Amino acid sequence: MKPIKIALLLALGLVPAPALAQGLMFEYFTMITPNDTYNSRGQSVGDFCLAVQQDRANVHRFGNPDGDVVDPFFTTPERRAMIAGRCDYARGHHSLANIRSRFNGFVLVRVYGAGGVVSRVQILEAAG
């Protein structure tokens, strides 16, 4: 294919551009507490990822009741929705049953992605 033809196809968007590199966007420490295991309507959340998502809602929407670190990204419901389905965590240790029985899970959250789009949320146990 001639270079002019390739340039024209790229300009028209007919040839896919290379994907943006997926890197560490930011990280923060937080404590997942019993407050985070219930959504804004008082219903029990279904998994640990949803508890992390509710933790961010509690920070940004409801005045940070647990004194958690404020992250720079999960400030809107749309951004917090990017957490669901993208979590990577140790399922045995980080269980909702442990959290609800008054175990507070101090965790490091690493958010990966590019261009303001989250591709992965890694949750690691942290000392606290």
C-alpha atoms as a PDB file:
ATOM      1  CA  MET A   1       0.000   0.000   0.000  1.00  0.00           C
ATOM      2  CA  LYS A   2       1.327   3.411  -0.882  1.00  0.00           C
ATOM      3  CA  PRO A   3       2.221   5.790   2.010  1.00  0.00           C
ATOM      4  CA  ILE A   4      -0.302   8.402   0.826  1.00  0.00           C
ATOM      5  CA  LYS A   5      -3.094   5.801   0.813  1.00  0.00           C
ATOM      6  CA  ILE A   6      -2.160   4.630   4.337  1.00  0.00           C
ATOM      7  CA  ALA A   7      -2.087   8.217   5.612  1.00  0.00           C
ATOM      8  CA  LEU A   8      -5.523   8.812   4.092  1.00  0.00           C
ATOM      9  CA  LEU A   9      -6.962   5.661   5.691  1.00  0.00           C
ATOM     10  CA  LEU A  10      -5.496   6.637   9.081  1.00  0.00           C
ATOM     11  CA  ALA A  11      -6.925  10.141   8.760  1.00  0.00           C
ATOM     12  CA  LEU A  12     -10.356   8.699   7.983  1.00  0.00           C
ATOM     13  CA  GLY A  13     -10.130   6.353  10.971  1.00  0.00           C
ATOM     14  CA  LEU A  14     -10.413   3.217   8.836  1.00  0.00           C
ATOM     15  CA  VAL A  15      -7.216   1.706  10.185  1.00  0.00           C
ATOM     16  CA  PRO A  16      -7.129   1.189  13.950  1.00  0.00           C
ATOM     17  CA  ALA A  17      -4.583   3.308  15.760  1.00  0.00           C
ATOM     18  CA  PRO A  18      -2.341   1.646  18.337  1.00  0.00           C
ATOM     19  CA  ALA A  19      -4.076   1.266  21.704  1.00  0.00           C
ATOM     20  CA  LEU A  20      -3.058   3.643  24.464  1.00  0.00           C
ATOM     21  CA  ALA A  21      -0.611   2.127  26.914  1.00  0.00           C
ATOM     22  CA  GLN A  22      -2.284   0.895  30.070  1.00  0.00           C
ATOM     23  CA  GLY A  23      -0.307   2.138  33.048  1.00  0.00           C
ATOM     24  CA  LEU A  24      -0.688   3.013  36.692  1.00  0.00           C
ATOM     25  CA  MET A  25      -2.933   6.078  36.809  1.00  0.00           C
ATOM     26  CA  PHE A  26      -2.804   6.572  40.595  1.00  0.00           C
ATOM     27  CA  GLU A  27      -2.979   4.746  43.918  1.00  0.00           C
ATOM     28  CA  TYR A  28      -4.393   5.454  47.350  1.00  0.00           C
ATOM     29  CA  PHE A  29      -4.802   3.865  50.776  1.00  0.00           C
ATOM     30  CA  THR A  30      -8.229   3.363  52.282  1.00  0.00           C
ATOM     31  CA  MET A  31     -10.003   1.439  55.001  1.00  0.00           C
ATOM     32  CA  ILE A  32     -12.980  -0.685  53.983  1.00  0.00           C
ATOM     33  CA  THR A  33     -15.363  -0.663  56.955  1.00  0.00           C
ATOM     34  CA  PRO A  34     -18.890  -1.906  57.663  1.00  0.00           C
ATOM     35  CA  ASN A  35     -20.115   1.513  56.386  1.00  0.00           C
ATOM     36  CA  ASP A  36     -18.841   0.525  52.941  1.00  0.00           C
ATOM     37  CA  THR A  37     -20.723  -2.786  52.775  1.00  0.00           C
ATOM     38  CA  TYR A  38     -24.108  -1.090  52.280  1.00  0.00           C
ATOM     39  CA  ASN A  39     -25.037   1.094  49.329  1.00  0.00           C
ATOM     40  CA  SER A  40     -26.567   4.555  49.479  1.00  0.00           C
ATOM     41  CA  ARG A  41     -30.061   3.029  49.775  1.00  0.00           C
ATOM     42  CA  GLY A  42     -29.051   0.885  52.746  1.00  0.00           C
ATOM     43  CA  GLN A  43     -28.931  -2.358  50.758  1.00  0.00           C
ATOM     44  CA  SER A  44     -26.125  -4.845  51.253  1.00  0.00           C
ATOM     45  CA  VAL A  45     -23.550  -4.768  48.444  1.00  0.00           C
ATOM     46  CA  GLY A  46     -22.827  -8.035  46.667  1.00  0.00           C
ATOM     47  CA  ASP A  47     -19.031  -8.198  46.567  1.00  0.00           C
ATOM     48  CA  PHE A  48     -15.822  -6.582  47.688  1.00  0.00           C
ATOM     49  CA  CYS A  49     -15.466  -4.512  44.491  1.00  0.00           C
ATOM     50  CA  LEU A  50     -18.832  -2.910  45.194  1.00  0.00           C
ATOM     51  CA  ALA A  51     -17.665  -2.167  48.751  1.00  0.00           C
ATOM     52  CA  VAL A  52     -14.622  -0.361  47.296  1.00  0.00           C
ATOM     53  CA  GLN A  53     -16.952   1.537  44.961  1.00  0.00           C
ATOM     54  CA  GLN A  54     -19.187   2.481  47.914  1.00  0.00           C
ATOM     55  CA  ASP A  55     -16.106   3.532  49.883  1.00  0.00           C
ATOM     56  CA  ARG A  56     -15.343   6.074  47.151  1.00  0.00           C
ATOM     57  CA  ALA A  57     -18.968   7.277  47.179  1.00  0.00           C
ATOM     58  CA  ASN A  58     -18.710   7.702  50.942  1.00  0.00           C
ATOM     59  CA  VAL A  59     -15.556   9.770  50.450  1.00  0.00           C
ATOM     60  CA  HIS A  60     -16.697  11.976  47.581  1.00  0.00           C
ATOM     61  CA  ARG A  61     -20.455  12.157  47.964  1.00  0.00           C
ATOM     62  CA  PHE A  62     -21.107  11.724  51.658  1.00  0.00           C
ATOM     63  CA  GLY A  63     -18.310  13.625  53.369  1.00  0.00           C
ATOM     64  CA  ASN A  64     -15.759  10.885  54.051  1.00  0.00           C
ATOM     65  CA  PRO A  65     -17.256   9.288  57.209  1.00  0.00           C
ATOM     66  CA  ASP A  66     -14.268   6.983  57.807  1.00  0.00           C
ATOM     67  CA  GLY A  67     -11.540   9.583  57.288  1.00  0.00           C
ATOM     68  CA  ASP A  68     -10.161   7.839  54.200  1.00  0.00           C
ATOM     69  CA  VAL A  69      -7.614   9.268  51.782  1.00  0.00           C
ATOM     70  CA  VAL A  70      -9.288  11.339  49.079  1.00  0.00           C
ATOM     71  CA  ASP A  71      -8.381  10.131  45.597  1.00  0.00           C
ATOM     72  CA  PRO A  72      -8.217  12.521  42.617  1.00  0.00           C
ATOM     73  CA  PHE A  73     -10.369  10.488  40.219  1.00  0.00           C
ATOM     74  CA  PHE A  74     -13.488   8.764  41.593  1.00  0.00           C
ATOM     75  CA  THR A  75     -15.313  12.058  42.129  1.00  0.00           C
ATOM     76  CA  THR A  76     -18.409  11.244  40.015  1.00  0.00           C
ATOM     77  CA  PRO A  77     -20.835   8.302  39.908  1.00  0.00           C
ATOM     78  CA  GLU A  78     -19.728   7.576  36.339  1.00  0.00           C
ATOM     79  CA  ARG A  79     -16.094   7.271  37.354  1.00  0.00           C
ATOM     80  CA  ARG A  80     -16.935   5.171  40.422  1.00  0.00           C
ATOM     81  CA  ALA A  81     -18.913   2.819  38.163  1.00  0.00           C
ATOM     82  CA  MET A  82     -15.609   1.975  36.417  1.00  0.00           C
ATOM     83  CA  ILE A  83     -14.561   0.014  39.532  1.00  0.00           C
ATOM     84  CA  ALA A  84     -17.218  -2.702  39.128  1.00  0.00           C
ATOM     85  CA  GLY A  85     -16.013  -5.696  37.171  1.00  0.00           C
ATOM     86  CA  ARG A  86     -12.415  -4.510  37.043  1.00  0.00           C
ATOM     87  CA  CYS A  87     -11.196  -5.572  40.498  1.00  0.00           C
ATOM     88  CA  ASP A  88      -8.324  -7.871  41.271  1.00  0.00           C
ATOM     89  CA  TYR A  89      -8.101  -8.836  44.962  1.00  0.00           C
ATOM     90  CA  ALA A  90      -7.428 -11.716  47.381  1.00  0.00           C
ATOM     91  CA  ARG A  91     -10.911 -13.150  47.760  1.00  0.00           C
ATOM     92  CA  GLY A  92     -10.188 -15.197  50.898  1.00  0.00           C
ATOM     93  CA  HIS A  93      -8.933 -12.304  52.987  1.00  0.00           C
ATOM     94  CA  HIS A  94     -11.044  -9.482  51.617  1.00  0.00           C
ATOM     95  CA  SER A  95     -14.503 -10.835  52.264  1.00  0.00           C
ATOM     96  CA  LEU A  96     -17.642  -8.918  53.096  1.00  0.00           C
ATOM     97  CA  ALA A  97     -18.253 -11.270  56.033  1.00  0.00           C
ATOM     98  CA  ASN A  98     -14.915 -10.207  57.560  1.00  0.00           C
ATOM     99  CA  ILE A  99     -15.691  -6.532  57.013  1.00  0.00           C
ATOM    100  CA  ARG A 100     -19.234  -6.782  58.411  1.00  0.00           C
ATOM    101  CA  SER A 101     -17.965  -8.540  61.537  1.00  0.00           C
ATOM    102  CA  ARG A 102     -16.108  -5.314  62.377  1.00  0.00           C
ATOM    103  CA  PHE A 103     -12.850  -6.225  60.667  1.00  0.00           C
ATOM    104  CA  ASN A 104     -11.646  -3.072  58.955  1.00  0.00           C
ATOM    105  CA  GLY A 105      -9.694  -3.848  55.823  1.00  0.00           C
ATOM    106  CA  PHE A 106      -6.844  -1.392  55.324  1.00  0.00           C
ATOM    107  CA  VAL A 107      -5.979  -1.653  51.631  1.00  0.00           C
ATOM    108  CA  LEU A 108      -3.834  -0.118  48.932  1.00  0.00           C
ATOM    109  CA  VAL A 109      -5.834   0.509  45.766  1.00  0.00           C
ATOM    110  CA  ARG A 110      -3.928   0.791  42.488  1.00  0.00           C
ATOM    111  CA  VAL A 111      -5.861   2.048  39.485  1.00  0.00           C
ATOM    112  CA  TYR A 112      -4.613   1.189  35.990  1.00  0.00           C
ATOM    113  CA  GLY A 113      -5.776   2.577  32.680  1.00  0.00           C
ATOM    114  CA  ALA A 114      -5.211   5.360  30.208  1.00  0.00           C
ATOM    115  CA  GLY A 115      -6.951   8.484  28.998  1.00  0.00           C
ATOM    116  CA  GLY A 116      -9.290   8.659  31.981  1.00  0.00           C
ATOM    117  CA  VAL A 117     -10.575   5.101  31.423  1.00  0.00           C
ATOM    118  CA  VAL A 118      -9.995   2.487  34.121  1.00  0.00           C
ATOM    119  CA  SER A 119      -8.904  -0.938  32.896  1.00  0.00           C
ATOM    120  CA  ARG A 120      -8.030  -2.588  36.230  1.00  0.00           C
ATOM    121  CA  VAL A 121      -8.361  -1.891  39.947  1.00  0.00           C
ATOM    122  CA  GLN A 122      -5.864  -3.843  42.025  1.00  0.00           C
ATOM    123  CA  ILE A 123      -6.594  -4.121  45.745  1.00  0.00           C
ATOM    124  CA  LEU A 124      -3.750  -5.151  48.011  1.00  0.00           C
ATOM    125  CA  GLU A 125      -3.661  -5.744  51.739  1.00  0.00           C
ATOM    126  CA  ALA A 126      -1.877  -2.911  53.513  1.00  0.00           C
ATOM    127  CA  ALA A 127      -0.460  -2.589  57.005  1.00  0.00           C
ATOM    128  CA  GLY A 128      -2.512  -0.340  59.190  1.00  0.00           C
END
